[in-house]
Amino acid sequence: MSLCNGIRLEEATIDQLQHYMEKRRLTSVQIVECYLQRLFQVEESINPVLQMNPDALSIAKTLDDERKSGHLRGPLHGIPFLVKDNIATKDKLQTTAGSWALYGSIVPRDAFVVSGLRQAGAVLMGKATLSEWADMRSNNYSEGYSARGGQSRSSYNLTVNPGGSSSGSAIAVANNVVSFALGTETDGSVINPAERNAVVGIKPTVGLTSRAGVVPESLHQDTVGTFGRTVRDAVYALDAIYGVDPRDNATSSQTGKTPAKGYIQYMATQSALKGATFGLPWKSFWALADPEQQSILLQLVDLIKAAGATIINGTELPNYETIVSPTGWNWDYGTTRGYPNESEYTVVKVDFYNNIRSYLAELEGTDIRTLEDIVRYNNDNAGSEGGYPGINPAFASGQDGLLASLATGGVMDATYNEALQFCQSSTREGGIDAALHHDNRSIDALLVPPDVGQTYQIAAQAGYPMITLPAGVHSQSGMPFGLALMGTAFSEAVLIRYASAIEDLQLKSGMEWKRTLPLWLGLKERNIPVLAQCFGC
């Protein structure tokens, strides 16, 4: 990456960028221009950005003028960022969830989270690529692909699954295209791409960040999360987007459970690990990890223990044999076992049918109003949107996910209600909360291997938070993987404290198992679909 006005921008933190702007060595305009140059350098190879904001430079200029006049909004003042293309922006950018079906539609307002970042002085650079309809449209598809955005790729290995559905958000941060980005998660869509691109991913408790203005999947599980190259950068972004929003009733649940002065106050050094207690749900998750990943992550766990933490092995989810698929991520595992009334997918299919109708009702400039309209559009434009199986290689199964949702008619019947109750109770008090109180002990957080997709699947069903940290690169694929912290509802302060402490330990110990720069394996290959080389997910 080229120098920016004589300054090394590669891997620069938000604090470093603020220092350069404070000392007048860089302006926000210059930072945006240099990140644009970086994008032009990598765009053809990894495709992290679906659309650039034509107003980015003028926004940066306005913020530079504010700085000159002595008005500084906070740590994000003048800092460039991206949002996933399912997060609404009321500007010259499209919001399409990667689908041509929504092209030209007009959103009523900025999403709550975008409004928060604008108020914080951040510079919206554009929309990130993603898996179309946030992975809802197909069950056999190429992760990171959308009809409108094309295939995004991880610079660590361009041939394999880059993680999704917030693929471009993670890829852009990993490759120094922006300082931070927003993504969304229903089940893994922040944690998975973060750990597979060696960046920090924060997936908040459902209800901490508003979903108003976000193309929905399931309001029982949807949440907006952040990506950064460091914990601090991801937390700066989180502090700008959380809060109670009258347009999202779920956010009222955070009242009295969140800090008045933001989560940045909980950042810690490795000394915070002394006296901490962490649990390893071994049979629940760790036993399912790839042996090489398991070995490397346990070296990091040993380092955490040497720093003064207590590690308790065997802090299992009591019913893991029922709720954790032994063969990989499977959001229809209840049906696989013969119990659709215990399946996450039973809930999500119905929720999507109803939630997407509510979202579409607020749009102008489009005839797409229902899921039926989306399915019809995909059929009518099968060459690009792959409405039928076997036409578009990125959508091998066509739009079977949308069809499965369509078949429910949005009816919240007894099977739906039983499935919702089962998924929440079995992963909350009967799952994560029980593991955090193993043998009547108080455990600060669970440490889990997030490349085992069942980890974030359980947290998704519970609506509980996770944070993943870069922790190594696999010798077989060249792909990164992470170590994640899992907690109970609204335990972000605890998770941020210990995630930042572990990150500090990684950086100061000299160990190799931390964030590293991309290897660019398979640079000249353009396979679609990407290879599903992912251990456990």
Protein backbone atom coordinates (compact mmCIF):
# COMPACT_ATOMS: atom_id res chain seq x y z
CA MET A 1 0.00 0.00 0.00
CA SER A 2 1.44 3.37 -1.03
CA LEU A 3 2.29 6.06 1.49
CA CYS A 4 -0.35 8.74 2.04
CA ASN A 5 1.23 12.20 2.03
CA GLY A 6 4.37 10.52 3.36
CA ILE A 7 2.46 8.58 6.05
CA ARG A 8 2.05 4.81 6.26
CA LEU A 9 -1.71 4.30 6.19
CA GLU A 10 -1.55 0.51 6.08
CA GLU A 11 -2.80 -0.92 9.40
CA ALA A 12 -3.18 2.59 10.86
CA THR A 13 -5.59 2.69 13.79
CA ILE A 14 -8.32 5.28 14.26
CA ASP A 15 -6.30 6.86 17.08
CA GLN A 16 -3.28 7.17 14.79
CA LEU A 17 -5.39 8.76 12.06
CA GLN A 18 -6.76 11.26 14.57
CA HIS A 19 -3.21 12.07 15.66
CA TYR A 20 -2.15 12.72 12.07
CA MET A 21 -5.15 14.98 11.51
CA GLU A 22 -4.62 16.78 14.79
CA LYS A 23 -0.99 17.48 13.85
CA ARG A 24 -2.14 18.56 10.36
CA ARG A 25 -0.06 15.90 8.69
CA LEU A 26 -3.20 14.48 7.07
CA THR A 27 -6.70 15.71 6.36
CA SER A 28 -9.86 13.66 6.13
CA VAL A 29 -9.95 14.44 2.40
CA GLN A 30 -6.44 13.03 1.99
CA ILE A 31 -7.32 9.91 3.97
CA VAL A 32 -10.39 9.32 1.79
CA GLU A 33 -8.33 9.85 -1.35
CA CYS A 34 -5.67 7.40 -0.19
CA TYR A 35 -8.25 4.78 0.75
CA LEU A 36 -9.78 5.25 -2.70
CA GLN A 37 -6.37 4.58 -4.24
CA ARG A 38 -6.13 1.45 -2.13
CA LEU A 39 -9.56 0.35 -3.33
CA PHE A 40 -8.57 0.86 -6.95
CA GLN A 41 -5.49 -1.27 -6.26
CA VAL A 42 -7.41 -4.28 -4.88
CA GLU A 43 -10.93 -3.94 -6.31
CA GLU A 44 -10.53 -6.23 -9.31
CA SER A 45 -9.00 -8.96 -7.16
CA ILE A 46 -11.21 -9.08 -4.07
CA ASN A 47 -14.24 -6.85 -4.84
CA PRO A 48 -15.08 -5.55 -1.35
CA VAL A 49 -17.13 -2.51 -2.42
CA LEU A 50 -20.41 -2.64 -4.32
CA GLN A 51 -20.88 1.11 -4.75
CA MET A 52 -18.79 4.16 -3.86
CA ASN A 53 -20.38 7.23 -2.31
CA PRO A 54 -19.96 10.12 -4.79
CA ASP A 55 -20.26 12.56 -1.88
CA ALA A 56 -17.47 11.05 0.23
CA LEU A 57 -14.90 13.74 -0.57
CA SER A 58 -17.33 16.60 -0.01
CA ILE A 59 -18.35 15.10 3.35
CA ALA A 60 -14.68 14.81 4.29
CA LYS A 61 -14.09 18.43 3.27
CA THR A 62 -16.95 19.60 5.50
CA LEU A 63 -15.50 17.68 8.42
CA ASP A 64 -12.04 19.11 7.77
CA ASP A 65 -13.56 22.59 7.88
CA GLU A 66 -15.22 21.76 11.19
CA ARG A 67 -11.88 20.62 12.59
CA LYS A 68 -10.22 23.86 11.48
CA SER A 69 -12.91 25.85 13.26
CA GLY A 70 -12.24 23.96 16.49
CA HIS A 71 -15.27 21.67 16.36
CA LEU A 72 -14.33 18.01 16.86
CA ARG A 73 -17.21 15.56 17.12
CA GLY A 74 -15.28 12.66 18.64
CA PRO A 75 -12.92 9.78 17.79
CA LEU A 76 -14.63 9.04 14.47
CA HIS A 77 -14.43 12.60 13.13
CA GLY A 78 -13.23 12.36 9.52
CA ILE A 79 -12.76 8.56 9.59
CA PRO A 80 -13.94 6.62 6.48
CA PHE A 81 -16.22 3.60 6.78
CA LEU A 82 -18.45 1.27 4.75
CA VAL A 83 -21.83 -0.27 5.44
CA LYS A 84 -23.20 -3.52 4.12
CA ASP A 85 -25.59 -3.06 1.20
CA ASN A 86 -28.60 -4.06 3.29
CA ILE A 87 -28.29 -0.97 5.54
CA ALA A 88 -30.27 2.02 4.29
CA THR A 89 -28.65 5.35 3.48
CA LYS A 90 -30.73 8.33 2.40
CA ASP A 91 -28.27 9.69 -0.15
CA LYS A 92 -27.06 8.91 -3.67
CA LEU A 93 -26.30 5.30 -2.77
CA GLN A 94 -28.60 2.36 -3.50
CA THR A 95 -29.78 -0.06 -0.81
CA THR A 96 -30.48 -3.39 -2.49
CA ALA A 97 -29.23 -6.33 -0.37
CA GLY A 98 -27.21 -7.16 -3.49
CA SER A 99 -30.30 -7.82 -5.60
CA TRP A 100 -31.29 -6.05 -8.80
CA ALA A 101 -34.88 -6.40 -7.62
CA LEU A 102 -34.45 -3.40 -5.29
CA TYR A 103 -32.37 -1.29 -7.66
CA GLY A 104 -33.85 2.19 -7.93
CA SER A 105 -35.90 1.88 -4.76
CA ILE A 106 -35.88 4.89 -2.46
CA VAL A 107 -35.50 4.43 1.29
CA PRO A 108 -37.42 6.77 3.63
CA ARG A 109 -34.45 7.70 5.81
CA ASP A 110 -31.00 6.71 6.97
CA ALA A 111 -30.87 3.58 9.08
CA PHE A 112 -30.57 4.49 12.77
CA VAL A 113 -27.01 3.15 12.86
CA VAL A 114 -25.98 5.22 9.82
CA SER A 115 -27.46 8.33 11.39
CA GLY A 116 -25.39 7.69 14.49
CA LEU A 117 -22.18 7.43 12.51
CA ARG A 118 -22.92 10.58 10.52
CA GLN A 119 -23.51 12.46 13.78
CA ALA A 120 -20.20 11.09 15.08
CA GLY A 121 -18.43 12.63 12.07
CA ALA A 122 -17.54 9.44 10.21
CA VAL A 123 -17.28 9.57 6.41
CA LEU A 124 -19.46 7.09 4.53
CA MET A 125 -17.30 5.77 1.67
CA GLY A 126 -19.94 3.47 0.18
CA LYS A 127 -21.72 0.13 0.33
CA ALA A 128 -19.92 -3.16 0.85
CA THR A 129 -20.57 -6.33 -1.14
CA LEU A 130 -22.41 -9.18 0.55
CA SER A 131 -24.07 -12.51 0.05
CA GLU A 132 -27.35 -11.63 -1.65
CA TRP A 133 -30.32 -11.17 0.69
CA ALA A 134 -27.86 -11.87 3.52
CA ASP A 135 -27.75 -15.60 2.71
CA MET A 136 -31.53 -16.00 2.89
CA ARG A 137 -32.15 -16.61 -0.81
CA SER A 138 -30.41 -19.96 -1.34
CA ASN A 139 -29.23 -22.98 0.62
CA ASN A 140 -26.52 -23.93 -1.88
CA TYR A 141 -24.74 -20.78 -3.00
CA SER A 142 -21.38 -19.04 -3.33
CA GLU A 143 -20.69 -17.12 -0.13
CA GLY A 144 -19.94 -13.45 -0.78
CA TYR A 145 -21.79 -13.35 -4.10
CA SER A 146 -24.69 -11.17 -5.16
CA ALA A 147 -26.16 -10.52 -8.58
CA ARG A 148 -25.55 -6.79 -8.29
CA GLY A 149 -22.17 -6.92 -6.57
CA GLY A 150 -20.56 -10.05 -7.99
CA GLN A 151 -18.17 -12.30 -6.08
CA SER A 152 -16.17 -10.85 -3.20
CA ARG A 153 -13.06 -12.77 -2.17
CA SER A 154 -10.72 -13.07 0.78
CA SER A 155 -7.21 -11.85 0.03
CA TYR A 156 -5.84 -14.66 2.17
CA ASN A 157 -7.06 -17.22 -0.37
CA LEU A 158 -9.18 -15.96 -3.25
CA THR A 159 -10.54 -19.39 -4.13
CA VAL A 160 -12.31 -20.26 -0.88
CA ASN A 161 -15.31 -19.11 1.14
CA PRO A 162 -14.52 -15.55 2.33
CA GLY A 163 -17.10 -15.74 5.09
CA GLY A 164 -20.48 -14.10 4.97
CA SER A 165 -22.92 -12.71 4.61
CA SER A 166 -21.18 -9.43 5.56
CA SER A 167 -18.31 -10.44 3.29
CA GLY A 168 -17.27 -7.10 1.78
CA SER A 169 -17.38 -5.32 5.13
CA ALA A 170 -14.79 -7.67 6.62
CA ILE A 171 -12.71 -7.85 3.44
CA ALA A 172 -12.49 -4.06 3.13
CA VAL A 173 -11.29 -3.63 6.72
CA ALA A 174 -8.82 -6.50 6.39
CA ASN A 175 -7.29 -4.90 3.29
CA ASN A 176 -7.03 -1.32 4.53
CA VAL A 177 -9.76 0.03 2.26
CA VAL A 178 -11.47 1.66 5.27
CA SER A 179 -10.83 1.88 9.01
CA PHE A 180 -14.04 0.16 10.08
CA ALA A 181 -17.30 -1.16 8.66
CA LEU A 182 -20.78 -2.24 9.63
CA GLY A 183 -22.33 -5.60 8.93
CA THR A 184 -25.45 -7.44 10.00
CA GLU A 185 -25.90 -10.86 11.55
CA THR A 186 -28.82 -13.23 11.79
CA ASP A 187 -26.65 -16.31 12.28
CA GLY A 188 -22.89 -15.87 11.83
CA SER A 189 -22.82 -13.05 9.30
CA VAL A 190 -20.51 -10.83 11.38
CA ILE A 191 -18.47 -13.39 13.29
CA ASN A 192 -17.80 -15.70 10.34
CA PRO A 193 -16.41 -13.14 7.84
CA ALA A 194 -14.48 -11.38 10.61
CA GLU A 195 -12.61 -14.48 11.70
CA ARG A 196 -12.04 -15.59 8.10
CA ASN A 197 -10.43 -12.26 7.23
CA ALA A 198 -8.31 -11.75 10.37
CA VAL A 199 -10.23 -8.81 11.76
CA VAL A 200 -12.14 -8.12 14.96
CA GLY A 201 -15.88 -8.65 14.75
CA ILE A 202 -18.39 -7.56 17.40
CA LYS A 203 -21.83 -9.16 17.17
CA PRO A 204 -23.99 -7.35 19.75
CA THR A 205 -26.92 -8.57 21.79
CA VAL A 206 -30.16 -8.43 19.82
CA GLY A 207 -31.67 -5.12 20.91
CA LEU A 208 -28.42 -3.21 21.48
CA THR A 209 -28.25 -1.87 17.91
CA SER A 210 -31.35 -0.81 16.01
CA ARG A 211 -32.44 -2.72 12.92
CA ALA A 212 -34.62 0.16 11.67
CA GLY A 213 -33.65 0.79 8.07
CA VAL A 214 -31.96 -2.60 7.71
CA VAL A 215 -33.25 -5.14 5.19
CA PRO A 216 -34.50 -7.78 7.64
CA GLU A 217 -34.25 -11.52 7.93
CA SER A 218 -35.54 -12.34 11.39
CA LEU A 219 -36.25 -9.68 13.99
CA HIS A 220 -35.73 -12.34 16.66
CA GLN A 221 -32.07 -12.71 15.65
CA ASP A 222 -31.02 -9.77 13.47
CA THR A 223 -28.40 -7.39 14.87
CA VAL A 224 -25.99 -4.80 13.44
CA GLY A 225 -22.32 -5.35 14.28
CA THR A 226 -18.93 -3.79 13.69
CA PHE A 227 -15.61 -4.72 12.10
CA GLY A 228 -12.19 -3.25 12.91
CA ARG A 229 -8.55 -4.23 12.67
CA THR A 230 -8.35 -3.73 16.43
CA VAL A 231 -10.82 -4.11 19.27
CA ARG A 232 -10.62 -0.37 19.99
CA ASP A 233 -11.55 0.55 16.41
CA ALA A 234 -14.53 -1.83 16.44
CA VAL A 235 -15.66 -0.43 19.80
CA TYR A 236 -15.45 3.17 18.58
CA ALA A 237 -17.92 2.17 15.87
CA LEU A 238 -20.16 0.32 18.33
CA ASP A 239 -20.32 3.37 20.59
CA ALA A 240 -21.69 5.45 17.72
CA ILE A 241 -24.48 3.05 16.76
CA TYR A 242 -26.04 1.58 19.90
CA GLY A 243 -28.99 3.11 21.68
CA VAL A 244 -32.75 3.08 22.04
CA ASP A 245 -34.63 3.71 18.79
CA PRO A 246 -38.42 4.23 18.79
CA ARG A 247 -38.56 2.53 15.37
CA ASP A 248 -37.18 -0.73 16.79
CA ASN A 249 -39.05 -1.95 19.85
CA ALA A 250 -36.34 -4.48 20.69
CA THR A 251 -33.93 -1.67 21.59
CA SER A 252 -36.04 -0.75 24.62
CA SER A 253 -34.71 -3.92 26.28
CA GLN A 254 -31.30 -2.28 26.70
CA THR A 255 -32.63 0.39 29.07
CA GLY A 256 -30.62 0.32 32.28
CA LYS A 257 -28.21 -2.27 30.87
CA THR A 258 -25.84 -0.10 28.82
CA PRO A 259 -23.16 2.43 29.81
CA ALA A 260 -23.93 6.13 29.57
CA LYS A 261 -20.42 6.98 28.35
CA GLY A 262 -19.94 4.20 25.86
CA TYR A 263 -18.09 0.91 25.82
CA ILE A 264 -14.67 2.39 25.08
CA GLN A 265 -14.20 2.89 28.84
CA TYR A 266 -13.97 -0.88 29.24
CA MET A 267 -10.87 -1.28 27.08
CA ALA A 268 -8.17 -3.04 29.08
CA THR A 269 -4.60 -4.29 28.97
CA GLN A 270 -3.39 -7.82 29.60
CA SER A 271 -3.25 -7.11 33.34
CA ALA A 272 -7.06 -7.41 33.38
CA LEU A 273 -6.70 -11.14 32.74
CA LYS A 274 -5.37 -11.68 36.24
CA GLY A 275 -8.27 -13.08 38.23
CA ALA A 276 -10.55 -13.57 35.22
CA THR A 277 -12.32 -16.89 34.74
CA PHE A 278 -13.02 -18.38 31.32
CA GLY A 279 -14.83 -21.56 30.37
CA LEU A 280 -14.07 -23.95 27.52
CA PRO A 281 -17.19 -25.81 26.33
CA TRP A 282 -15.08 -28.70 25.12
CA LYS A 283 -17.61 -31.30 24.05
CA SER A 284 -20.06 -28.64 22.91
CA PHE A 285 -17.67 -26.88 20.51
CA TRP A 286 -13.94 -27.42 20.91
CA ALA A 287 -14.07 -31.14 20.07
CA LEU A 288 -15.54 -30.19 16.68
CA ALA A 289 -12.62 -27.92 15.74
CA ASP A 290 -10.05 -28.74 13.09
CA PRO A 291 -7.02 -30.30 14.87
CA GLU A 292 -4.57 -27.66 13.68
CA GLN A 293 -6.83 -24.81 14.74
CA GLN A 294 -7.49 -26.51 18.04
CA SER A 295 -3.77 -26.88 18.73
CA ILE A 296 -3.00 -23.24 17.90
CA LEU A 297 -5.93 -21.85 19.86
CA LEU A 298 -4.97 -23.90 22.91
CA GLN A 299 -1.52 -22.29 22.80
CA LEU A 300 -3.26 -18.95 23.03
CA VAL A 301 -5.44 -20.24 25.87
CA ASP A 302 -2.28 -21.33 27.70
CA LEU A 303 -0.90 -17.82 27.28
CA ILE A 304 -4.11 -16.38 28.73
CA LYS A 305 -3.78 -18.75 31.67
CA ALA A 306 -0.15 -17.73 32.20
CA ALA A 307 -1.32 -14.11 32.35
CA GLY A 308 -3.31 -14.95 35.48
CA ALA A 309 -6.68 -16.16 34.21
CA THR A 310 -8.41 -19.30 35.43
CA ILE A 311 -9.41 -21.68 32.63
CA ILE A 312 -12.15 -24.21 33.36
CA ASN A 313 -12.47 -26.98 30.81
CA GLY A 314 -15.74 -28.79 30.24
CA THR A 315 -18.13 -25.90 30.81
CA GLU A 316 -20.69 -27.51 28.55
CA LEU A 317 -24.05 -26.38 27.36
CA PRO A 318 -26.15 -28.93 29.27
CA ASN A 319 -28.18 -29.96 26.22
CA TYR A 320 -25.44 -29.64 23.60
CA GLU A 321 -26.11 -33.15 22.29
CA THR A 322 -29.57 -31.97 21.28
CA ILE A 323 -28.96 -28.45 20.01
CA VAL A 324 -25.41 -28.59 18.54
CA SER A 325 -25.09 -30.31 15.18
CA PRO A 326 -22.07 -32.66 15.20
CA THR A 327 -21.61 -32.29 11.44
CA GLY A 328 -21.30 -28.52 11.02
CA TRP A 329 -23.46 -25.41 10.93
CA ASN A 330 -27.08 -26.35 10.28
CA TRP A 331 -29.84 -23.89 11.00
CA ASP A 332 -32.44 -26.55 10.27
CA TYR A 333 -30.88 -29.04 12.69
CA GLY A 334 -34.18 -29.52 14.51
CA THR A 335 -35.80 -30.76 11.31
CA THR A 336 -32.72 -32.89 10.59
CA ARG A 337 -33.42 -34.60 13.93
CA GLY A 338 -37.09 -34.96 13.03
CA TYR A 339 -38.35 -32.00 15.06
CA PRO A 340 -39.19 -28.93 12.96
CA ASN A 341 -40.73 -27.46 16.11
CA GLU A 342 -37.16 -27.28 17.48
CA SER A 343 -35.59 -25.70 14.40
CA GLU A 344 -34.18 -22.20 14.02
CA TYR A 345 -35.01 -22.32 10.30
CA THR A 346 -38.69 -22.85 11.11
CA VAL A 347 -38.63 -19.44 12.82
CA VAL A 348 -36.46 -17.61 10.30
CA LYS A 349 -38.53 -18.72 7.29
CA VAL A 350 -41.72 -17.29 8.77
CA ASP A 351 -40.04 -14.16 10.11
CA PHE A 352 -38.50 -13.32 6.76
CA TYR A 353 -41.84 -13.53 4.97
CA ASN A 354 -43.40 -11.07 7.39
CA ASN A 355 -40.42 -8.82 8.12
CA ILE A 356 -39.52 -8.23 4.47
CA ARG A 357 -43.09 -7.17 3.72
CA SER A 358 -42.87 -4.54 6.46
CA TYR A 359 -39.55 -3.25 5.15
CA LEU A 360 -40.71 -3.07 1.53
CA ALA A 361 -43.87 -1.17 2.49
CA GLU A 362 -41.79 1.93 3.32
CA LEU A 363 -39.92 2.06 0.02
CA GLU A 364 -40.74 4.35 -2.88
CA GLY A 365 -39.84 3.94 -6.54
CA THR A 366 -40.33 0.18 -6.64
CA ASP A 367 -43.04 -2.35 -7.48
CA ILE A 368 -41.42 -4.94 -5.20
CA ARG A 369 -43.73 -5.14 -2.18
CA THR A 370 -43.78 -8.78 -1.11
CA LEU A 371 -41.67 -11.91 -1.10
CA GLU A 372 -43.85 -13.14 -3.97
CA ASP A 373 -42.64 -10.14 -5.99
CA ILE A 374 -39.00 -10.95 -5.24
CA VAL A 375 -39.41 -14.58 -6.28
CA ARG A 376 -41.17 -13.54 -9.49
CA TYR A 377 -38.43 -11.03 -10.29
CA ASN A 378 -35.73 -13.69 -9.84
CA ASN A 379 -37.59 -16.04 -12.16
CA ASP A 380 -38.09 -13.34 -14.77
CA ASN A 381 -34.40 -12.44 -14.59
CA ALA A 382 -33.02 -15.90 -14.09
CA GLY A 383 -29.80 -15.25 -16.02
CA SER A 384 -28.59 -12.72 -13.47
CA GLU A 385 -30.66 -13.56 -10.39
CA GLY A 386 -30.63 -17.34 -10.72
CA GLY A 387 -34.29 -17.87 -9.96
CA TYR A 388 -34.05 -21.51 -11.06
CA PRO A 389 -31.44 -24.11 -10.05
CA GLY A 390 -28.48 -24.72 -12.33
CA ILE A 391 -28.56 -21.41 -14.24
CA ASN A 392 -26.24 -19.19 -12.22
CA PRO A 393 -23.31 -21.13 -10.74
CA ALA A 394 -23.33 -18.86 -7.69
CA PHE A 395 -26.89 -19.94 -6.91
CA ALA A 396 -26.70 -23.68 -7.50
CA SER A 397 -30.01 -24.34 -5.74
CA GLY A 398 -31.73 -21.35 -7.31
CA GLN A 399 -33.78 -19.45 -4.75
CA ASP A 400 -34.85 -22.37 -2.59
CA GLY A 401 -34.39 -20.33 0.59
CA LEU A 402 -36.87 -17.72 -0.60
CA LEU A 403 -39.25 -20.44 -1.76
CA ALA A 404 -39.09 -22.13 1.63
CA SER A 405 -40.04 -18.85 3.27
CA LEU A 406 -42.77 -18.28 0.69
CA ALA A 407 -44.27 -21.67 1.46
CA THR A 408 -44.88 -20.66 5.07
CA GLY A 409 -47.13 -17.75 4.06
CA GLY A 410 -45.82 -16.02 7.17
CA VAL A 411 -48.17 -18.04 9.38
CA MET A 412 -47.02 -18.12 13.00
CA ASP A 413 -48.62 -21.45 13.86
CA ALA A 414 -48.04 -23.82 16.76
CA THR A 415 -44.91 -25.29 15.16
CA TYR A 416 -43.46 -21.81 14.74
CA ASN A 417 -44.19 -20.79 18.33
CA GLU A 418 -42.83 -24.03 19.73
CA ALA A 419 -39.66 -23.66 17.65
CA LEU A 420 -39.15 -20.07 18.81
CA GLN A 421 -39.61 -21.01 22.45
CA PHE A 422 -37.33 -24.03 22.15
CA CYS A 423 -34.53 -22.21 20.32
CA GLN A 424 -34.47 -19.34 22.80
CA SER A 425 -34.81 -21.32 26.03
CA SER A 426 -32.41 -24.10 25.04
CA THR A 427 -29.66 -21.66 24.06
CA ARG A 428 -30.24 -19.09 26.84
CA GLU A 429 -30.98 -20.43 30.33
CA GLY A 430 -30.59 -24.01 29.12
CA GLY A 431 -27.42 -23.25 27.14
CA ILE A 432 -25.01 -20.31 27.38
CA ASP A 433 -26.24 -19.05 30.76
CA ALA A 434 -25.96 -22.52 32.25
CA ALA A 435 -22.41 -22.90 30.94
CA LEU A 436 -21.49 -19.52 32.45
CA HIS A 437 -22.59 -20.87 35.86
CA HIS A 438 -20.92 -24.25 35.58
CA ASP A 439 -20.81 -26.01 38.97
CA ASN A 440 -22.26 -22.85 40.54
CA ARG A 441 -19.17 -20.87 39.59
CA SER A 442 -19.31 -17.43 38.03
CA ILE A 443 -17.54 -17.54 34.68
CA ASP A 444 -16.73 -14.25 32.93
CA ALA A 445 -16.99 -15.55 29.36
CA LEU A 446 -16.83 -18.68 27.26
CA LEU A 447 -13.85 -19.04 24.92
CA VAL A 448 -14.84 -20.80 21.70
CA PRO A 449 -13.37 -21.58 18.25
CA PRO A 450 -15.61 -19.55 15.89
CA ASP A 451 -14.60 -21.39 12.73
CA VAL A 452 -16.82 -24.05 14.24
CA GLY A 453 -20.01 -22.49 12.95
CA GLN A 454 -22.15 -24.05 15.66
CA THR A 455 -20.66 -21.54 18.13
CA TYR A 456 -22.16 -18.47 16.57
CA GLN A 457 -25.28 -20.42 15.67
CA ILE A 458 -26.07 -21.01 19.33
CA ALA A 459 -25.33 -17.36 20.20
CA ALA A 460 -27.55 -16.27 17.29
CA GLN A 461 -30.53 -18.27 18.50
CA ALA A 462 -30.04 -16.89 22.01
CA GLY A 463 -29.63 -13.33 20.72
CA TYR A 464 -26.43 -13.12 22.80
CA PRO A 465 -23.18 -11.27 21.99
CA MET A 466 -19.88 -12.58 20.66
CA ILE A 467 -16.55 -11.00 19.84
CA THR A 468 -13.96 -12.70 17.65
CA LEU A 469 -10.24 -11.92 17.59
CA PRO A 470 -7.71 -12.90 14.89
CA ALA A 471 -5.79 -15.90 16.20
CA GLY A 472 -3.92 -17.65 13.39
CA VAL A 473 -3.77 -18.84 9.79
CA HIS A 474 -4.38 -22.41 8.70
CA SER A 475 -1.46 -24.05 6.89
CA GLN A 476 -3.76 -26.01 4.56
CA SER A 477 -5.91 -23.18 3.19
CA GLY A 478 -3.97 -20.05 4.15
CA MET A 479 -7.22 -18.78 5.68
CA PRO A 480 -7.34 -17.02 9.04
CA PHE A 481 -9.39 -18.15 12.01
CA GLY A 482 -10.25 -16.61 15.34
CA LEU A 483 -10.74 -17.06 19.04
CA ALA A 484 -14.13 -15.82 20.22
CA LEU A 485 -15.63 -14.74 23.51
CA MET A 486 -19.27 -15.56 24.17
CA GLY A 487 -21.43 -14.09 26.93
CA THR A 488 -24.95 -13.55 28.18
CA ALA A 489 -27.34 -10.80 27.08
CA PHE A 490 -25.90 -7.28 27.28
CA SER A 491 -22.52 -8.48 28.53
CA GLU A 492 -20.68 -6.41 25.90
CA ALA A 493 -18.76 -4.51 28.58
CA VAL A 494 -17.31 -7.75 29.96
CA LEU A 495 -16.53 -9.17 26.52
CA ILE A 496 -14.85 -5.94 25.39
CA ARG A 497 -12.77 -5.80 28.56
CA TYR A 498 -11.40 -9.29 28.08
CA ALA A 499 -11.19 -9.22 24.28
CA SER A 500 -9.02 -6.10 24.48
CA ALA A 501 -6.94 -7.67 27.23
CA ILE A 502 -6.33 -10.80 25.14
CA GLU A 503 -5.48 -8.66 22.11
CA ASP A 504 -2.96 -6.71 24.19
CA LEU A 505 -1.47 -9.99 25.36
CA GLN A 506 -1.18 -11.22 21.76
CA LEU A 507 0.58 -8.06 20.61
CA LYS A 508 2.99 -7.74 23.54
CA SER A 509 3.88 -11.41 23.95
CA GLY A 510 5.52 -11.68 20.55
CA MET A 511 3.49 -14.78 19.72
CA GLU A 512 2.67 -15.41 16.07
CA TRP A 513 -1.01 -16.22 16.64
CA LYS A 514 -2.57 -12.83 15.98
CA ARG A 515 -3.65 -10.67 13.03
CA THR A 516 -1.31 -11.05 10.05
CA LEU A 517 -1.42 -9.55 6.58
CA PRO A 518 -2.96 -11.44 3.62
CA LEU A 519 -1.13 -14.09 1.61
CA TRP A 520 -3.05 -13.50 -1.68
CA LEU A 521 -3.17 -17.21 -2.52
CA GLY A 522 -5.00 -18.03 -5.75
CA LEU A 523 -4.69 -14.43 -6.94
CA LYS A 524 -5.35 -15.24 -10.61
CA GLU A 525 -8.18 -17.71 -10.03
CA ARG A 526 -11.79 -16.64 -10.50
CA ASN A 527 -13.80 -19.72 -9.55
CA ILE A 528 -17.52 -19.39 -8.92
CA PRO A 529 -18.70 -20.81 -6.65
CA VAL A 530 -15.91 -20.30 -4.13
CA LEU A 531 -14.78 -23.45 -2.39
CA ALA A 532 -16.61 -24.21 0.85
CA GLN A 533 -13.34 -24.80 2.72
CA CYS A 534 -14.39 -23.97 6.24
CA PHE A 535 -13.95 -26.19 9.27
CA GLY A 536 -17.22 -26.67 11.10
CA CYS A 537 -19.20 -23.96 9.29
